[in-house]
N, C-alpha and C. Protein backbone atom coordinates (compact mmCIF):
# COMPACT_ATOMS: atom_id res chain seq x y z
N MET A 1 35.21 85.25 66.68
CA MET A 1 35.76 84.58 65.55
C MET A 1 34.72 84.63 64.43
N ALA A 2 35.19 84.89 63.26
CA ALA A 2 34.30 85.03 62.11
C ALA A 2 33.97 83.65 61.53
N ARG A 3 32.74 83.54 61.09
CA ARG A 3 32.31 82.28 60.44
C ARG A 3 32.78 82.25 59.01
N LYS A 4 33.15 81.06 58.55
CA LYS A 4 33.56 80.92 57.16
C LYS A 4 32.33 80.95 56.30
N LYS A 5 32.50 81.60 55.17
CA LYS A 5 31.39 81.67 54.23
C LYS A 5 31.34 80.37 53.43
N GLY A 6 30.15 80.00 53.01
CA GLY A 6 29.97 78.82 52.16
C GLY A 6 29.42 77.66 52.96
N LEU A 7 29.15 76.62 52.23
CA LEU A 7 28.57 75.43 52.83
C LEU A 7 29.66 74.50 53.33
N THR A 8 29.38 73.85 54.37
CA THR A 8 30.29 72.83 54.86
C THR A 8 29.51 71.54 55.06
N PHE A 9 30.17 70.47 54.74
CA PHE A 9 29.52 69.16 54.88
C PHE A 9 30.33 68.32 55.84
N TYR A 10 29.63 67.64 56.64
CA TYR A 10 30.29 66.75 57.57
C TYR A 10 30.03 65.33 57.12
N GLU A 11 31.08 64.54 56.99
CA GLU A 11 30.89 63.15 56.60
C GLU A 11 30.54 62.35 57.83
N LYS A 12 29.52 61.57 57.63
CA LYS A 12 29.08 60.70 58.69
C LYS A 12 29.92 59.43 58.62
N GLU A 13 30.44 58.99 59.70
CA GLU A 13 31.23 57.76 59.69
C GLU A 13 30.32 56.58 59.41
N LYS A 14 30.77 55.77 58.43
CA LYS A 14 29.99 54.58 58.09
C LYS A 14 30.52 53.43 58.91
N LYS A 15 29.59 52.70 59.46
CA LYS A 15 29.97 51.55 60.27
C LYS A 15 29.56 50.29 59.53
N ILE A 16 30.45 49.34 59.51
CA ILE A 16 30.15 48.05 58.90
C ILE A 16 29.66 47.14 60.01
N ASN A 17 28.43 46.68 59.82
CA ASN A 17 27.88 45.80 60.85
C ASN A 17 27.84 44.36 60.34
N LYS A 18 27.45 43.46 61.19
CA LYS A 18 27.43 42.03 60.86
C LYS A 18 26.51 41.71 59.68
N SER A 19 25.39 42.37 59.59
CA SER A 19 24.45 42.04 58.52
C SER A 19 25.02 42.45 57.15
N THR A 20 25.75 43.55 57.08
CA THR A 20 26.38 43.98 55.82
C THR A 20 27.46 42.98 55.40
N ILE A 21 28.28 42.56 56.34
CA ILE A 21 29.33 41.57 56.04
C ILE A 21 28.70 40.26 55.60
N HIS A 22 27.66 39.83 56.27
CA HIS A 22 26.98 38.60 55.91
C HIS A 22 26.41 38.68 54.49
N GLU A 23 25.82 39.82 54.15
CA GLU A 23 25.23 40.02 52.82
C GLU A 23 26.31 39.98 51.73
N ILE A 24 27.44 40.63 51.98
CA ILE A 24 28.54 40.64 51.01
C ILE A 24 29.09 39.23 50.81
N LEU A 25 29.32 38.52 51.91
CA LEU A 25 29.87 37.16 51.82
C LEU A 25 28.91 36.19 51.13
N SER A 26 27.61 36.32 51.44
CA SER A 26 26.65 35.41 50.80
C SER A 26 26.54 35.71 49.30
N THR A 27 26.61 36.98 48.91
CA THR A 27 26.59 37.33 47.48
C THR A 27 27.81 36.76 46.77
N LEU A 28 28.98 36.90 47.37
CA LEU A 28 30.20 36.34 46.79
C LEU A 28 30.11 34.81 46.69
N PHE A 29 29.57 34.17 47.70
CA PHE A 29 29.42 32.72 47.69
C PHE A 29 28.51 32.27 46.55
N TYR A 30 27.33 32.90 46.40
CA TYR A 30 26.39 32.51 45.35
C TYR A 30 26.94 32.81 43.95
N CYS A 31 27.69 33.89 43.82
CA CYS A 31 28.34 34.17 42.53
C CYS A 31 29.38 33.10 42.21
N GLY A 32 30.14 32.71 43.19
CA GLY A 32 31.13 31.64 43.01
C GLY A 32 30.48 30.32 42.63
N VAL A 33 29.38 29.97 43.29
CA VAL A 33 28.66 28.74 42.96
C VAL A 33 28.11 28.80 41.53
N ALA A 34 27.57 29.95 41.13
CA ALA A 34 27.03 30.10 39.78
C ALA A 34 28.12 29.95 38.73
N VAL A 35 29.28 30.55 38.96
CA VAL A 35 30.40 30.43 38.02
C VAL A 35 30.87 28.98 37.95
N PHE A 36 30.98 28.32 39.09
CA PHE A 36 31.40 26.92 39.13
C PHE A 36 30.42 26.02 38.36
N LEU A 37 29.12 26.20 38.60
CA LEU A 37 28.11 25.39 37.90
C LEU A 37 28.12 25.64 36.40
N ALA A 38 28.29 26.89 35.99
CA ALA A 38 28.37 27.21 34.57
C ALA A 38 29.60 26.54 33.94
N PHE A 39 30.71 26.58 34.65
CA PHE A 39 31.94 25.95 34.18
C PHE A 39 31.74 24.44 34.01
N VAL A 40 31.16 23.80 35.01
CA VAL A 40 30.92 22.35 34.96
C VAL A 40 29.94 22.01 33.84
N LEU A 41 28.88 22.79 33.70
CA LEU A 41 27.89 22.54 32.67
C LEU A 41 28.49 22.64 31.27
N VAL A 42 29.24 23.70 31.01
CA VAL A 42 29.84 23.88 29.68
C VAL A 42 30.84 22.77 29.37
N PHE A 43 31.66 22.39 30.33
CA PHE A 43 32.68 21.39 30.06
C PHE A 43 32.18 19.95 30.12
N SER A 44 31.04 19.71 30.76
CA SER A 44 30.51 18.35 30.76
C SER A 44 29.55 18.12 29.61
N VAL A 45 28.79 19.14 29.23
CA VAL A 45 27.82 19.01 28.15
C VAL A 45 28.39 19.51 26.83
N GLY A 46 29.14 20.58 26.87
CA GLY A 46 29.62 21.22 25.65
C GLY A 46 31.05 20.87 25.31
N MET A 47 31.40 21.17 24.07
CA MET A 47 32.75 20.98 23.57
C MET A 47 32.96 22.00 22.46
N LYS A 48 34.13 22.61 22.41
CA LYS A 48 34.42 23.61 21.38
C LYS A 48 35.24 22.96 20.27
N ILE A 49 34.79 23.17 19.02
CA ILE A 49 35.47 22.62 17.85
C ILE A 49 35.59 23.72 16.81
N SER A 50 36.66 23.68 16.04
CA SER A 50 36.84 24.62 14.93
C SER A 50 36.44 23.94 13.63
N MET A 51 35.73 24.67 12.78
CA MET A 51 35.35 24.19 11.46
C MET A 51 36.61 24.14 10.59
N VAL A 52 36.81 23.01 9.91
CA VAL A 52 37.95 22.84 9.02
C VAL A 52 37.42 22.74 7.59
N GLY A 53 37.82 23.68 6.74
CA GLY A 53 37.43 23.66 5.35
C GLY A 53 36.18 24.47 5.05
N VAL A 54 35.76 24.42 3.78
CA VAL A 54 34.65 25.23 3.29
C VAL A 54 33.38 24.42 3.03
N SER A 55 33.35 23.18 3.47
CA SER A 55 32.25 22.27 3.12
C SER A 55 30.89 22.65 3.71
N MET A 56 30.86 23.49 4.73
CA MET A 56 29.58 23.87 5.34
C MET A 56 29.19 25.32 5.07
N GLU A 57 29.90 25.98 4.15
CA GLU A 57 29.50 27.35 3.81
C GLU A 57 28.16 27.33 3.11
N PRO A 58 27.29 28.28 3.35
CA PRO A 58 27.49 29.51 4.10
C PRO A 58 27.13 29.41 5.59
N ALA A 59 26.67 28.26 6.06
CA ALA A 59 26.27 28.14 7.48
C ALA A 59 27.47 28.29 8.41
N LEU A 60 28.58 27.63 8.07
CA LEU A 60 29.80 27.69 8.88
C LEU A 60 30.98 27.93 7.97
N TYR A 61 31.94 28.72 8.44
CA TYR A 61 33.10 29.08 7.64
C TYR A 61 34.37 28.46 8.20
N ASN A 62 35.36 28.29 7.34
CA ASN A 62 36.64 27.72 7.73
C ASN A 62 37.22 28.49 8.91
N GLY A 63 37.61 27.77 9.95
CA GLY A 63 38.20 28.37 11.15
C GLY A 63 37.20 28.84 12.18
N GLN A 64 35.94 28.83 11.85
CA GLN A 64 34.90 29.29 12.78
C GLN A 64 34.78 28.29 13.93
N GLU A 65 34.68 28.79 15.14
CA GLU A 65 34.54 27.92 16.31
C GLU A 65 33.07 27.70 16.63
N VAL A 66 32.74 26.46 16.97
CA VAL A 66 31.37 26.11 17.31
C VAL A 66 31.35 25.37 18.64
N LEU A 67 30.22 25.46 19.33
CA LEU A 67 30.01 24.68 20.54
C LEU A 67 29.16 23.47 20.18
N ILE A 68 29.57 22.33 20.68
CA ILE A 68 28.88 21.07 20.43
C ILE A 68 28.16 20.66 21.70
N ASN A 69 26.88 20.29 21.57
CA ASN A 69 26.12 19.76 22.69
C ASN A 69 26.33 18.24 22.69
N ARG A 70 27.14 17.75 23.63
CA ARG A 70 27.44 16.31 23.69
C ARG A 70 26.36 15.52 24.40
N PHE A 71 25.45 16.17 25.08
CA PHE A 71 24.45 15.49 25.90
C PHE A 71 23.16 15.17 25.14
N ILE A 72 22.79 16.00 24.16
CA ILE A 72 21.48 15.94 23.51
C ILE A 72 21.17 14.55 22.93
N TYR A 73 22.16 13.89 22.33
CA TYR A 73 21.89 12.60 21.69
C TYR A 73 21.89 11.43 22.68
N LYS A 74 22.09 11.73 23.95
CA LYS A 74 21.90 10.69 24.98
C LYS A 74 20.42 10.57 25.33
N ILE A 75 19.65 11.64 25.06
CA ILE A 75 18.22 11.61 25.40
C ILE A 75 17.32 11.63 24.15
N THR A 76 17.85 12.07 23.01
CA THR A 76 17.08 12.05 21.76
C THR A 76 17.95 11.50 20.64
N SER A 77 17.35 11.18 19.54
CA SER A 77 18.09 10.70 18.37
C SER A 77 18.37 11.87 17.43
N PRO A 78 19.47 11.78 16.68
CA PRO A 78 19.73 12.82 15.68
C PRO A 78 18.60 12.88 14.66
N LYS A 79 18.34 14.08 14.16
CA LYS A 79 17.24 14.30 13.22
C LYS A 79 17.77 14.83 11.90
N ARG A 80 16.98 14.64 10.85
CA ARG A 80 17.34 15.18 9.54
C ARG A 80 17.47 16.69 9.65
N GLY A 81 18.53 17.23 9.11
CA GLY A 81 18.78 18.67 9.18
C GLY A 81 19.72 19.08 10.29
N ASP A 82 19.95 18.21 11.29
CA ASP A 82 20.89 18.54 12.37
C ASP A 82 22.30 18.62 11.80
N VAL A 83 23.07 19.59 12.27
CA VAL A 83 24.50 19.66 11.94
C VAL A 83 25.22 18.98 13.09
N ILE A 84 26.00 17.95 12.75
CA ILE A 84 26.65 17.14 13.78
C ILE A 84 28.17 17.21 13.65
N ALA A 85 28.84 16.88 14.75
CA ALA A 85 30.28 16.70 14.76
C ALA A 85 30.53 15.21 14.94
N PHE A 86 31.41 14.66 14.11
CA PHE A 86 31.71 13.23 14.21
C PHE A 86 33.15 12.96 13.81
N LEU A 87 33.66 11.84 14.26
CA LEU A 87 34.97 11.36 13.84
C LEU A 87 34.73 10.35 12.72
N PRO A 88 35.26 10.57 11.52
CA PRO A 88 35.01 9.62 10.43
C PRO A 88 35.53 8.23 10.79
N ASN A 89 34.64 7.26 10.72
CA ASN A 89 34.94 5.86 11.06
C ASN A 89 35.50 5.71 12.47
N GLY A 90 35.19 6.66 13.34
CA GLY A 90 35.64 6.59 14.73
C GLY A 90 37.13 6.82 14.90
N ASN A 91 37.82 7.33 13.88
CA ASN A 91 39.26 7.53 13.90
C ASN A 91 39.63 8.63 14.90
N GLN A 92 40.20 8.26 16.02
CA GLN A 92 40.56 9.20 17.08
C GLN A 92 41.69 10.15 16.66
N ASN A 93 42.43 9.81 15.59
CA ASN A 93 43.54 10.65 15.13
C ASN A 93 43.08 11.70 14.11
N SER A 94 41.82 11.67 13.73
CA SER A 94 41.28 12.62 12.76
C SER A 94 40.71 13.83 13.48
N HIS A 95 40.52 14.92 12.73
CA HIS A 95 39.80 16.07 13.28
C HIS A 95 38.31 15.78 13.17
N TYR A 96 37.51 16.49 13.94
CA TYR A 96 36.06 16.33 13.87
C TYR A 96 35.54 16.92 12.57
N TYR A 97 34.66 16.21 11.92
CA TYR A 97 33.97 16.69 10.73
C TYR A 97 32.64 17.28 11.17
N LEU A 98 32.21 18.35 10.53
CA LEU A 98 30.92 18.98 10.79
C LEU A 98 30.10 18.88 9.52
N LYS A 99 28.98 18.15 9.57
CA LYS A 99 28.13 17.94 8.39
C LYS A 99 26.67 17.92 8.81
N ARG A 100 25.78 18.03 7.80
CA ARG A 100 24.34 18.03 8.03
C ARG A 100 23.77 16.64 7.76
N ILE A 101 22.90 16.16 8.66
CA ILE A 101 22.26 14.85 8.47
C ILE A 101 21.20 14.96 7.38
N VAL A 102 21.30 14.04 6.42
CA VAL A 102 20.33 13.99 5.32
C VAL A 102 19.53 12.69 5.40
N GLY A 103 20.22 11.57 5.65
CA GLY A 103 19.56 10.27 5.71
C GLY A 103 19.56 9.69 7.12
N LEU A 104 18.44 9.07 7.48
CA LEU A 104 18.25 8.51 8.82
C LEU A 104 18.34 6.98 8.80
N PRO A 105 18.54 6.36 9.96
CA PRO A 105 18.64 4.90 10.02
C PRO A 105 17.46 4.20 9.33
N GLY A 106 17.82 3.16 8.56
CA GLY A 106 16.81 2.35 7.88
C GLY A 106 16.39 2.89 6.52
N GLU A 107 16.79 4.10 6.16
CA GLU A 107 16.40 4.68 4.88
C GLU A 107 17.37 4.25 3.78
N SER A 108 16.89 4.29 2.54
CA SER A 108 17.77 4.07 1.40
C SER A 108 18.06 5.43 0.77
N ILE A 109 19.31 5.64 0.40
CA ILE A 109 19.78 6.92 -0.13
C ILE A 109 20.41 6.67 -1.49
N GLN A 110 20.12 7.57 -2.42
CA GLN A 110 20.78 7.53 -3.72
C GLN A 110 20.81 8.94 -4.29
N ILE A 111 21.88 9.25 -5.00
CA ILE A 111 21.95 10.54 -5.69
C ILE A 111 21.72 10.28 -7.17
N ILE A 112 20.67 10.90 -7.69
CA ILE A 112 20.29 10.75 -9.09
C ILE A 112 20.24 12.14 -9.71
N ASP A 113 20.94 12.32 -10.82
CA ASP A 113 20.98 13.61 -11.52
C ASP A 113 21.36 14.77 -10.60
N GLY A 114 22.23 14.51 -9.62
CA GLY A 114 22.74 15.56 -8.74
C GLY A 114 21.88 15.87 -7.53
N TYR A 115 20.80 15.12 -7.34
CA TYR A 115 19.90 15.37 -6.20
C TYR A 115 19.76 14.13 -5.33
N VAL A 116 19.47 14.34 -4.05
CA VAL A 116 19.33 13.25 -3.09
C VAL A 116 17.92 12.67 -3.16
N TYR A 117 17.86 11.34 -3.23
CA TYR A 117 16.59 10.61 -3.18
C TYR A 117 16.61 9.73 -1.94
N ILE A 118 15.54 9.84 -1.14
CA ILE A 118 15.40 9.03 0.07
C ILE A 118 14.21 8.11 -0.13
N ASN A 119 14.46 6.82 -0.02
CA ASN A 119 13.42 5.81 -0.24
C ASN A 119 12.70 6.06 -1.57
N GLY A 120 13.46 6.44 -2.60
CA GLY A 120 12.91 6.63 -3.94
C GLY A 120 12.28 7.99 -4.20
N GLU A 121 12.18 8.87 -3.19
CA GLU A 121 11.57 10.18 -3.38
C GLU A 121 12.62 11.28 -3.22
N ARG A 122 12.55 12.26 -4.12
CA ARG A 122 13.53 13.34 -4.09
C ARG A 122 13.35 14.19 -2.84
N LEU A 123 14.47 14.48 -2.20
CA LEU A 123 14.50 15.34 -1.02
C LEU A 123 14.44 16.79 -1.49
N PRO A 124 13.44 17.56 -1.05
CA PRO A 124 13.37 18.95 -1.50
C PRO A 124 14.51 19.77 -0.91
N GLU A 125 15.42 20.24 -1.77
CA GLU A 125 16.60 20.98 -1.31
C GLU A 125 16.87 22.15 -2.24
N ASP A 126 15.98 23.06 -2.34
CA ASP A 126 16.14 24.16 -3.28
C ASP A 126 17.37 25.03 -2.99
N GLU A 127 17.81 25.08 -1.74
CA GLU A 127 18.91 25.99 -1.38
C GLU A 127 20.28 25.41 -1.68
N TYR A 128 20.37 24.12 -2.04
CA TYR A 128 21.67 23.51 -2.28
C TYR A 128 21.94 23.35 -3.78
N ASP A 129 23.22 23.45 -4.13
CA ASP A 129 23.61 23.28 -5.53
C ASP A 129 23.45 21.82 -5.94
N LYS A 130 23.22 21.62 -7.21
CA LYS A 130 23.16 20.28 -7.79
C LYS A 130 24.56 19.66 -7.66
N MET A 131 24.63 18.42 -7.20
CA MET A 131 25.91 17.77 -6.96
C MET A 131 26.50 17.23 -8.26
N ALA A 132 27.79 17.51 -8.46
CA ALA A 132 28.49 17.00 -9.64
C ALA A 132 29.06 15.61 -9.36
N ASP A 133 29.48 15.36 -8.11
CA ASP A 133 30.09 14.08 -7.76
C ASP A 133 29.13 13.29 -6.87
N TYR A 134 28.70 12.13 -7.36
CA TYR A 134 27.75 11.31 -6.60
C TYR A 134 28.47 10.38 -5.64
N GLY A 135 29.74 10.08 -5.92
CA GLY A 135 30.52 9.17 -5.08
C GLY A 135 29.84 7.81 -4.98
N ILE A 136 29.93 7.22 -3.80
CA ILE A 136 29.34 5.89 -3.60
C ILE A 136 27.81 5.94 -3.59
N ALA A 137 27.24 7.14 -3.48
CA ALA A 137 25.79 7.28 -3.45
C ALA A 137 25.19 7.29 -4.86
N GLY A 138 26.03 7.11 -5.89
CA GLY A 138 25.50 6.93 -7.23
C GLY A 138 24.70 5.64 -7.32
N ASN A 139 25.06 4.70 -6.46
CA ASN A 139 24.29 3.46 -6.29
C ASN A 139 23.53 3.58 -4.98
N GLU A 140 22.40 2.92 -4.88
CA GLU A 140 21.57 3.01 -3.68
C GLU A 140 22.33 2.49 -2.46
N ILE A 141 22.25 3.23 -1.37
CA ILE A 141 22.87 2.85 -0.10
C ILE A 141 21.75 2.61 0.90
N GLN A 142 21.77 1.46 1.53
CA GLN A 142 20.79 1.13 2.57
C GLN A 142 21.46 1.38 3.92
N LEU A 143 20.91 2.31 4.69
CA LEU A 143 21.48 2.65 6.00
C LEU A 143 21.06 1.62 7.04
N GLY A 144 22.01 1.28 7.92
CA GLY A 144 21.73 0.35 9.01
C GLY A 144 20.93 1.03 10.11
N SER A 145 20.67 0.28 11.17
CA SER A 145 19.83 0.78 12.26
C SER A 145 20.50 1.86 13.11
N ASP A 146 21.82 2.03 12.96
CA ASP A 146 22.53 3.06 13.71
C ASP A 146 23.37 3.95 12.80
N GLU A 147 22.96 4.06 11.52
CA GLU A 147 23.76 4.81 10.55
C GLU A 147 23.01 6.03 10.01
N TYR A 148 23.80 7.08 9.71
CA TYR A 148 23.27 8.33 9.18
C TYR A 148 24.06 8.70 7.94
N PHE A 149 23.37 9.30 6.97
CA PHE A 149 24.02 9.79 5.76
C PHE A 149 24.14 11.30 5.90
N VAL A 150 25.36 11.83 5.79
CA VAL A 150 25.60 13.25 6.01
C VAL A 150 26.20 13.90 4.77
N LEU A 151 25.86 15.17 4.57
CA LEU A 151 26.42 15.95 3.46
C LEU A 151 26.81 17.33 3.99
N GLY A 152 27.80 17.93 3.33
CA GLY A 152 28.13 19.32 3.63
C GLY A 152 27.14 20.22 2.90
N ASP A 153 26.91 21.41 3.43
CA ASP A 153 26.00 22.35 2.77
C ASP A 153 26.57 22.84 1.44
N ASN A 154 27.88 22.94 1.35
CA ASN A 154 28.56 23.32 0.12
C ASN A 154 28.87 22.02 -0.62
N ARG A 155 27.82 21.42 -1.18
CA ARG A 155 27.85 20.05 -1.68
C ARG A 155 28.99 19.73 -2.64
N ASN A 156 29.37 20.66 -3.48
CA ASN A 156 30.41 20.37 -4.46
C ASN A 156 31.83 20.59 -3.93
N MET A 157 31.94 20.99 -2.68
CA MET A 157 33.25 21.18 -2.04
C MET A 157 33.32 20.42 -0.71
N SER A 158 32.63 19.28 -0.63
CA SER A 158 32.52 18.59 0.65
C SER A 158 32.96 17.13 0.53
N GLU A 159 33.72 16.70 1.53
CA GLU A 159 34.03 15.28 1.68
C GLU A 159 33.07 14.79 2.76
N ASP A 160 32.16 13.90 2.38
CA ASP A 160 31.08 13.50 3.28
C ASP A 160 30.72 12.04 3.05
N SER A 161 29.48 11.66 3.32
CA SER A 161 29.07 10.25 3.21
C SER A 161 29.16 9.71 1.78
N ARG A 162 29.30 10.58 0.79
CA ARG A 162 29.49 10.12 -0.58
C ARG A 162 30.88 9.54 -0.78
N SER A 163 31.82 9.93 0.08
CA SER A 163 33.21 9.46 -0.02
C SER A 163 33.34 8.07 0.59
N GLY A 164 34.03 7.20 -0.13
CA GLY A 164 34.22 5.83 0.36
C GLY A 164 34.96 5.76 1.68
N ASN A 165 35.86 6.71 1.94
CA ASN A 165 36.62 6.66 3.20
C ASN A 165 35.82 7.20 4.40
N ILE A 166 34.64 7.78 4.15
CA ILE A 166 33.77 8.23 5.25
C ILE A 166 32.52 7.36 5.30
N GLY A 167 31.77 7.33 4.22
CA GLY A 167 30.55 6.51 4.16
C GLY A 167 29.51 6.93 5.18
N ALA A 168 28.65 6.00 5.50
CA ALA A 168 27.60 6.26 6.50
C ALA A 168 28.25 6.47 7.86
N VAL A 169 27.67 7.39 8.64
CA VAL A 169 28.20 7.73 9.96
C VAL A 169 27.45 6.94 11.02
N LYS A 170 28.18 6.17 11.80
CA LYS A 170 27.57 5.39 12.88
C LYS A 170 27.30 6.30 14.07
N LYS A 171 26.20 6.02 14.77
CA LYS A 171 25.79 6.87 15.89
C LYS A 171 26.87 6.98 16.96
N ASP A 172 27.62 5.90 17.21
CA ASP A 172 28.61 5.95 18.28
C ASP A 172 29.85 6.78 17.91
N THR A 173 29.96 7.24 16.65
CA THR A 173 31.06 8.12 16.27
C THR A 173 30.65 9.59 16.30
N ILE A 174 29.37 9.86 16.58
CA ILE A 174 28.87 11.23 16.63
C ILE A 174 29.18 11.83 18.01
N ALA A 175 29.92 12.94 17.99
CA ALA A 175 30.28 13.62 19.25
C ALA A 175 29.12 14.43 19.80
N GLY A 176 28.29 14.97 18.91
CA GLY A 176 27.16 15.77 19.36
C GLY A 176 26.63 16.67 18.27
N LYS A 177 25.68 17.48 18.66
CA LYS A 177 25.02 18.40 17.73
C LYS A 177 25.65 19.77 17.83
N VAL A 178 25.88 20.40 16.67
CA VAL A 178 26.37 21.77 16.67
C VAL A 178 25.24 22.63 17.20
N TRP A 179 25.54 23.33 18.26
CA TRP A 179 24.51 24.05 18.99
C TRP A 179 24.62 25.55 18.77
N PHE A 180 25.83 26.05 18.72
CA PHE A 180 26.02 27.50 18.69
C PHE A 180 27.38 27.77 18.06
N HIS A 181 27.46 28.75 17.18
CA HIS A 181 28.80 29.12 16.70
C HIS A 181 29.19 30.47 17.27
N LEU A 182 30.48 30.58 17.59
CA LEU A 182 30.95 31.70 18.39
C LEU A 182 31.07 33.00 17.62
N SER A 183 31.28 32.95 16.31
CA SER A 183 31.23 34.19 15.54
C SER A 183 29.87 34.25 14.89
N CYS A 184 29.28 35.40 14.92
CA CYS A 184 27.88 35.54 14.51
C CYS A 184 27.69 35.37 13.01
N ASP A 185 26.50 34.86 12.65
CA ASP A 185 26.11 34.77 11.25
C ASP A 185 25.60 36.12 10.79
N GLU A 186 25.10 36.17 9.56
CA GLU A 186 24.66 37.44 8.99
C GLU A 186 23.56 38.10 9.81
N GLU A 187 22.69 37.29 10.44
CA GLU A 187 21.62 37.86 11.26
C GLU A 187 22.12 38.22 12.65
N GLY A 188 23.34 37.78 13.01
CA GLY A 188 23.91 38.11 14.30
C GLY A 188 23.42 37.22 15.44
N THR A 189 22.76 36.09 15.12
CA THR A 189 22.22 35.26 16.19
C THR A 189 23.23 34.31 16.75
N GLY A 190 24.12 33.77 15.92
CA GLY A 190 25.07 32.78 16.38
C GLY A 190 24.53 31.37 16.36
N PHE A 191 23.22 31.18 16.15
CA PHE A 191 22.65 29.84 16.16
C PHE A 191 22.73 29.21 14.78
N VAL A 192 22.86 27.88 14.77
CA VAL A 192 22.90 27.12 13.54
C VAL A 192 21.55 26.47 13.35
N ASN A 193 20.98 26.55 12.15
CA ASN A 193 19.69 25.89 11.87
C ASN A 193 19.87 24.41 11.76
């Protein structure tokens, strides 16, 4: 009988042993645990909110979705410059407002000639437009021990603590700190300053 020309390959039968099955099952188990923990972490600490309006442009845009860290203010206090989510006057029927903290508890706030003054000293804000509407902050406002004064970054298109129907934001109405926005900014980082 003549031999066939060319190469021939014989497949070796692969056997599945106990150690391979154990390795596959343990990998699947650990992946499942990791997904479960990530799910619990995001839903217990985080919250997704959509930006409504143009008051925070250029940092946040209308319709942009952001993640809120609901846990951070349980261990630290809000700081000047933080972008927070809050319900105005604790109104559960309202949408969450997203604004930047300007005034801290115990400080006095006033808007003079379109600029924010804290305890009588002008807040350096070169990147923000001069405000045309002073609202209730045209007169000095003394913040309580649990109150914050917030403004939108787009100062002339923002309903914020200058508005009588919002006023100072109480700490217990703050849902959390804006931590990450889901559509990227110009640098592509997704983080909010």
